[in-house]
Amino acid sequence: MANKQIVKNFIQSELVKDKARSSLQDNDNLIEAGVIDSLGIMKLVTYLEETFSISISDDELIPDNFETIDAISAFLVSKQQ
């Protein structure tokens, strides 16, 4: 399974409060849509670090890296290089 799909599955199963919002698109703004908040970002960061064996520093915890599934996927690619 591609990294993007792994991230999307986690967000949909663990962070989406309204399960009816299963039509989450890769470019939907997760923060503005209320899908993810500061606690959700911390949960996501822990998941990403454990799942992909990466380390995310405090200065990388910026909205640009976590706004969309596409942004998270691109961030993961940069961390894995």
N, C-alpha and C. Protein backbone atom coordinates (compact mmCIF):
# COMPACT_ATOMS: atom_id res chain seq x y z
N MET A 1 0.84 -1.18 0.00
CA MET A 1 0.00 0.00 0.00
C MET A 1 0.89 1.25 0.00
N ALA A 2 0.54 2.20 -0.79
CA ALA A 2 1.31 3.44 -0.89
C ALA A 2 1.21 4.25 0.40
N ASN A 3 2.26 5.00 0.70
CA ASN A 3 2.28 5.82 1.91
C ASN A 3 1.06 6.71 2.02
N LYS A 4 0.66 7.33 0.91
CA LYS A 4 -0.48 8.24 0.93
C LYS A 4 -1.74 7.51 1.40
N GLN A 5 -1.95 6.30 0.92
CA GLN A 5 -3.14 5.54 1.29
C GLN A 5 -3.08 5.11 2.75
N ILE A 6 -1.90 4.78 3.23
CA ILE A 6 -1.72 4.41 4.64
C ILE A 6 -2.10 5.60 5.54
N VAL A 7 -1.62 6.78 5.17
CA VAL A 7 -1.92 8.00 5.94
C VAL A 7 -3.42 8.29 5.88
N LYS A 8 -3.99 8.19 4.70
CA LYS A 8 -5.42 8.47 4.54
C LYS A 8 -6.27 7.51 5.37
N ASN A 9 -5.92 6.24 5.36
CA ASN A 9 -6.65 5.25 6.15
C ASN A 9 -6.59 5.58 7.64
N PHE A 10 -5.40 5.97 8.12
CA PHE A 10 -5.25 6.32 9.53
C PHE A 10 -6.11 7.53 9.87
N ILE A 11 -6.05 8.55 9.05
CA ILE A 11 -6.83 9.77 9.31
C ILE A 11 -8.32 9.45 9.34
N GLN A 12 -8.78 8.67 8.37
CA GLN A 12 -10.21 8.35 8.32
C GLN A 12 -10.64 7.48 9.49
N SER A 13 -9.81 6.55 9.91
CA SER A 13 -10.23 5.65 10.98
C SER A 13 -10.00 6.21 12.37
N GLU A 14 -8.97 7.05 12.54
CA GLU A 14 -8.61 7.52 13.89
C GLU A 14 -8.91 8.99 14.18
N LEU A 15 -8.95 9.82 13.16
CA LEU A 15 -9.07 11.26 13.41
C LEU A 15 -10.37 11.89 12.95
N VAL A 16 -11.03 11.30 11.97
CA VAL A 16 -12.28 11.88 11.48
C VAL A 16 -13.37 11.63 12.52
N LYS A 17 -13.90 12.72 13.06
CA LYS A 17 -14.92 12.60 14.10
C LYS A 17 -16.27 12.19 13.49
N ASP A 18 -16.59 12.75 12.35
CA ASP A 18 -17.85 12.45 11.67
C ASP A 18 -17.57 11.37 10.63
N LYS A 19 -17.91 10.14 10.97
CA LYS A 19 -17.59 9.01 10.08
C LYS A 19 -18.29 9.13 8.73
N ALA A 20 -19.29 10.00 8.63
CA ALA A 20 -19.96 10.22 7.35
C ALA A 20 -19.03 10.92 6.37
N ARG A 21 -17.96 11.49 6.89
CA ARG A 21 -17.01 12.22 6.04
C ARG A 21 -15.97 11.25 5.46
N SER A 22 -16.45 10.16 4.93
CA SER A 22 -15.55 9.17 4.35
C SER A 22 -15.09 9.56 2.95
N SER A 23 -15.65 10.64 2.43
CA SER A 23 -15.28 11.10 1.10
C SER A 23 -14.12 12.09 1.15
N LEU A 24 -13.27 11.93 2.12
CA LEU A 24 -12.11 12.80 2.31
C LEU A 24 -11.20 12.75 1.08
N GLN A 25 -10.94 13.91 0.51
CA GLN A 25 -10.09 14.00 -0.67
C GLN A 25 -8.66 14.33 -0.26
N ASP A 26 -7.72 13.94 -1.11
CA ASP A 26 -6.29 14.13 -0.81
C ASP A 26 -5.90 15.60 -0.68
N ASN A 27 -6.67 16.50 -1.28
CA ASN A 27 -6.32 17.92 -1.21
C ASN A 27 -7.26 18.73 -0.32
N ASP A 28 -8.12 18.06 0.45
CA ASP A 28 -8.97 18.75 1.42
C ASP A 28 -8.11 19.30 2.55
N ASN A 29 -8.39 20.53 2.96
CA ASN A 29 -7.64 21.13 4.06
C ASN A 29 -8.16 20.53 5.37
N LEU A 30 -7.35 19.68 5.97
CA LEU A 30 -7.75 18.93 7.16
C LEU A 30 -7.94 19.84 8.38
N ILE A 31 -7.16 20.89 8.45
CA ILE A 31 -7.22 21.80 9.59
C ILE A 31 -8.47 22.68 9.49
N GLU A 32 -8.69 23.30 8.34
CA GLU A 32 -9.85 24.16 8.14
C GLU A 32 -11.16 23.39 8.23
N ALA A 33 -11.15 22.14 7.76
CA ALA A 33 -12.36 21.31 7.78
C ALA A 33 -12.66 20.76 9.17
N GLY A 34 -11.73 20.97 10.10
CA GLY A 34 -11.94 20.49 11.46
C GLY A 34 -11.70 18.99 11.61
N VAL A 35 -11.07 18.39 10.62
CA VAL A 35 -10.76 16.96 10.68
C VAL A 35 -9.64 16.72 11.68
N ILE A 36 -8.70 17.64 11.72
CA ILE A 36 -7.53 17.47 12.58
C ILE A 36 -7.29 18.76 13.37
N ASP A 37 -7.03 18.59 14.67
CA ASP A 37 -6.70 19.72 15.53
C ASP A 37 -5.32 19.48 16.12
N SER A 38 -4.92 20.26 17.10
CA SER A 38 -3.56 20.12 17.63
C SER A 38 -3.35 18.74 18.26
N LEU A 39 -4.34 18.22 18.95
CA LEU A 39 -4.22 16.89 19.53
C LEU A 39 -4.14 15.83 18.42
N GLY A 40 -4.94 16.02 17.37
CA GLY A 40 -4.91 15.11 16.23
C GLY A 40 -3.57 15.12 15.53
N ILE A 41 -2.96 16.30 15.43
CA ILE A 41 -1.64 16.39 14.80
C ILE A 41 -0.62 15.61 15.61
N MET A 42 -0.69 15.71 16.93
CA MET A 42 0.26 14.98 17.77
C MET A 42 0.05 13.46 17.63
N LYS A 43 -1.20 13.06 17.54
CA LYS A 43 -1.51 11.64 17.34
C LYS A 43 -0.98 11.18 15.98
N LEU A 44 -1.17 12.01 14.96
CA LEU A 44 -0.68 11.71 13.62
C LEU A 44 0.84 11.65 13.59
N VAL A 45 1.50 12.59 14.25
CA VAL A 45 2.97 12.62 14.28
C VAL A 45 3.51 11.34 14.92
N THR A 46 2.92 10.94 16.02
CA THR A 46 3.35 9.70 16.68
C THR A 46 3.17 8.51 15.75
N TYR A 47 2.03 8.46 15.09
CA TYR A 47 1.76 7.37 14.14
C TYR A 47 2.78 7.37 12.99
N LEU A 48 3.05 8.54 12.42
CA LEU A 48 4.00 8.63 11.30
C LEU A 48 5.40 8.21 11.73
N GLU A 49 5.82 8.67 12.91
CA GLU A 49 7.16 8.31 13.39
C GLU A 49 7.29 6.80 13.59
N GLU A 50 6.27 6.19 14.17
CA GLU A 50 6.33 4.76 14.43
C GLU A 50 6.17 3.93 13.16
N THR A 51 5.28 4.34 12.29
CA THR A 51 4.97 3.56 11.09
C THR A 51 6.08 3.65 10.04
N PHE A 52 6.64 4.84 9.88
CA PHE A 52 7.61 5.06 8.80
C PHE A 52 9.05 5.20 9.31
N SER A 53 9.27 4.97 10.59
CA SER A 53 10.60 5.03 11.20
C SER A 53 11.31 6.35 10.88
N ILE A 54 10.59 7.44 11.14
CA ILE A 54 11.16 8.77 10.94
C ILE A 54 11.09 9.53 12.26
N SER A 55 11.80 10.63 12.31
CA SER A 55 11.75 11.52 13.46
C SER A 55 11.31 12.89 12.97
N ILE A 56 10.29 13.44 13.61
CA ILE A 56 9.76 14.74 13.22
C ILE A 56 10.11 15.74 14.31
N SER A 57 10.86 16.77 13.94
CA SER A 57 11.29 17.77 14.92
C SER A 57 10.21 18.82 15.15
N ASP A 58 10.33 19.55 16.24
CA ASP A 58 9.36 20.58 16.57
C ASP A 58 9.23 21.63 15.48
N ASP A 59 10.35 22.00 14.84
CA ASP A 59 10.29 23.04 13.81
C ASP A 59 9.65 22.54 12.51
N GLU A 60 9.40 21.24 12.42
CA GLU A 60 8.69 20.70 11.25
C GLU A 60 7.18 20.61 11.49
N LEU A 61 6.77 20.92 12.71
CA LEU A 61 5.35 20.89 13.06
C LEU A 61 4.67 22.19 12.66
N ILE A 62 4.61 22.41 11.36
CA ILE A 62 3.99 23.61 10.81
C ILE A 62 2.78 23.19 9.98
N PRO A 63 1.77 24.04 9.90
CA PRO A 63 0.57 23.68 9.15
C PRO A 63 0.84 23.23 7.71
N ASP A 64 1.82 23.83 7.05
CA ASP A 64 2.11 23.45 5.66
C ASP A 64 2.38 21.96 5.49
N ASN A 65 2.96 21.34 6.50
CA ASN A 65 3.30 19.92 6.41
C ASN A 65 2.12 18.99 6.71
N PHE A 66 1.04 19.54 7.29
CA PHE A 66 -0.07 18.70 7.74
C PHE A 66 -1.44 19.17 7.28
N GLU A 67 -1.49 20.14 6.37
CA GLU A 67 -2.78 20.68 5.93
C GLU A 67 -3.62 19.69 5.14
N THR A 68 -2.99 18.94 4.28
CA THR A 68 -3.72 18.02 3.41
C THR A 68 -3.03 16.65 3.41
N ILE A 69 -3.73 15.66 2.92
CA ILE A 69 -3.11 14.34 2.78
C ILE A 69 -1.96 14.42 1.78
N ASP A 70 -2.14 15.21 0.72
CA ASP A 70 -1.06 15.40 -0.25
C ASP A 70 0.17 16.02 0.42
N ALA A 71 -0.04 17.01 1.28
CA ALA A 71 1.07 17.67 1.97
C ALA A 71 1.78 16.71 2.92
N ILE A 72 1.01 15.89 3.62
CA ILE A 72 1.60 14.91 4.53
C ILE A 72 2.42 13.90 3.75
N SER A 73 1.89 13.46 2.62
CA SER A 73 2.58 12.50 1.77
C SER A 73 3.89 13.08 1.24
N ALA A 74 3.86 14.33 0.79
CA ALA A 74 5.08 14.99 0.29
C ALA A 74 6.09 15.16 1.42
N PHE A 75 5.61 15.49 2.61
CA PHE A 75 6.48 15.63 3.78
C PHE A 75 7.16 14.29 4.09
N LEU A 76 6.39 13.20 4.02
CA LEU A 76 6.96 11.88 4.26
C LEU A 76 8.05 11.53 3.25
N VAL A 77 7.80 11.85 1.99
CA VAL A 77 8.80 11.58 0.94
C VAL A 77 10.09 12.33 1.26
N SER A 78 9.96 13.60 1.68
CA SER A 78 11.17 14.38 1.99
C SER A 78 11.90 13.81 3.20
N LYS A 79 11.17 13.27 4.17
CA LYS A 79 11.79 12.71 5.38
C LYS A 79 12.48 11.38 5.08
N GLN A 80 11.99 10.65 4.10
CA GLN A 80 12.53 9.32 3.80
C GLN A 80 13.72 9.38 2.85
N GLN A 81 14.03 10.55 2.33
CA GLN A 81 15.16 10.65 1.39
C GLN A 81 16.46 10.87 2.13
